[in-house]
Amino acid sequence: MDIEAKLRQLLMELYVSSVLFQDELPEAEQARLLDTVLAAAEGREFELLGLPFPA
């Protein structure tokens, strides 16, 4: 596994384990976060979430 693939995997693991599916996030923000993480993990283009997140 190359470094880029490992970084994508790490990003996905970190977000899934610590942020995704928390009840505090509004549904629209939850969907935006999931879409962003999946796009990044799959190597597709994505928009940054922007800080602070959630907006």
C-alpha atoms as a PDB file:
ATOM      1  CA  MET A   1       0.000   0.000   0.000  1.00  0.00           C
ATOM      2  CA  ASP A   2       1.522   3.356  -0.998  1.00  0.00           C
ATOM      3  CA  ILE A   3       1.680   6.370   1.320  1.00  0.00           C
ATOM      4  CA  GLU A   4      -1.238   8.141  -0.365  1.00  0.00           C
ATOM      5  CA  ALA A   5      -3.491   5.117   0.106  1.00  0.00           C
ATOM      6  CA  LYS A   6      -2.358   4.774   3.711  1.00  0.00           C
ATOM      7  CA  LEU A   7      -3.131   8.448   4.395  1.00  0.00           C
ATOM      8  CA  ARG A   8      -6.595   8.110   2.853  1.00  0.00           C
ATOM      9  CA  GLN A   9      -7.231   5.040   4.991  1.00  0.00           C
ATOM     10  CA  LEU A  10      -6.026   6.825   8.114  1.00  0.00           C
ATOM     11  CA  LEU A  11      -8.251   9.823   7.392  1.00  0.00           C
ATOM     12  CA  MET A  12     -11.247   7.591   7.008  1.00  0.00           C
ATOM     13  CA  GLU A  13     -10.473   5.630  10.173  1.00  0.00           C
ATOM     14  CA  LEU A  14      -9.993   8.774  12.243  1.00  0.00           C
ATOM     15  CA  TYR A  15     -13.202  10.412  11.114  1.00  0.00           C
ATOM     16  CA  VAL A  16     -15.291   7.280  11.342  1.00  0.00           C
ATOM     17  CA  SER A  17     -14.078   6.483  14.827  1.00  0.00           C
ATOM     18  CA  SER A  18     -14.344   9.958  16.320  1.00  0.00           C
ATOM     19  CA  VAL A  19     -16.786  12.166  14.431  1.00  0.00           C
ATOM     20  CA  LEU A  20     -19.232  10.333  12.204  1.00  0.00           C
ATOM     21  CA  PHE A  21     -22.727   9.590  13.410  1.00  0.00           C
ATOM     22  CA  GLN A  22     -22.666  11.768  16.488  1.00  0.00           C
ATOM     23  CA  ASP A  23     -26.106  12.978  17.480  1.00  0.00           C
ATOM     24  CA  GLU A  24     -24.861  16.544  18.024  1.00  0.00           C
ATOM     25  CA  LEU A  25     -24.403  17.222  14.307  1.00  0.00           C
ATOM     26  CA  PRO A  26     -27.389  18.421  12.283  1.00  0.00           C
ATOM     27  CA  GLU A  27     -28.421  15.922   9.589  1.00  0.00           C
ATOM     28  CA  ALA A  28     -27.225  18.156   6.719  1.00  0.00           C
ATOM     29  CA  GLU A  29     -23.780  18.551   8.309  1.00  0.00           C
ATOM     30  CA  GLN A  30     -23.609  14.823   8.984  1.00  0.00           C
ATOM     31  CA  ALA A  31     -24.297  14.108   5.300  1.00  0.00           C
ATOM     32  CA  ARG A  32     -21.722  16.702   4.179  1.00  0.00           C
ATOM     33  CA  LEU A  33     -19.093  15.211   6.488  1.00  0.00           C
ATOM     34  CA  LEU A  34     -19.746  11.668   5.315  1.00  0.00           C
ATOM     35  CA  ASP A  35     -19.675  12.702   1.641  1.00  0.00           C
ATOM     36  CA  THR A  36     -16.397  14.561   2.159  1.00  0.00           C
ATOM     37  CA  VAL A  37     -14.713  11.708   4.014  1.00  0.00           C
ATOM     38  CA  LEU A  38     -15.803   9.124   1.469  1.00  0.00           C
ATOM     39  CA  ALA A  39     -14.648  11.259  -1.457  1.00  0.00           C
ATOM     40  CA  ALA A  40     -11.248  11.832   0.167  1.00  0.00           C
ATOM     41  CA  ALA A  41     -10.864   8.156   1.035  1.00  0.00           C
ATOM     42  CA  GLU A  42     -11.724   7.149  -2.519  1.00  0.00           C
ATOM     43  CA  GLY A  43      -9.331   9.704  -4.035  1.00  0.00           C
ATOM     44  CA  ARG A  44     -12.110  11.782  -5.609  1.00  0.00           C
ATOM     45  CA  GLU A  45     -12.310  15.563  -5.646  1.00  0.00           C
ATOM     46  CA  PHE A  46     -13.900  17.040  -2.534  1.00  0.00           C
ATOM     47  CA  GLU A  47     -14.627  20.367  -0.900  1.00  0.00           C
ATOM     48  CA  LEU A  48     -12.882  21.083   2.379  1.00  0.00           C
ATOM     49  CA  LEU A  49     -15.181  21.098   5.393  1.00  0.00           C
ATOM     50  CA  GLY A  50     -13.875  24.455   6.540  1.00  0.00           C
ATOM     51  CA  LEU A  51     -12.905  25.355  10.064  1.00  0.00           C
ATOM     52  CA  PRO A  52     -14.450  25.587  12.477  1.00  0.00           C
ATOM     53  CA  PHE A  53     -16.504  22.479  11.684  1.00  0.00           C
ATOM     54  CA  PRO A  54     -19.434  22.140  11.848  1.00  0.00           C
ATOM     55  CA  ALA A  55     -20.147  25.468  10.217  1.00  0.00           C
END
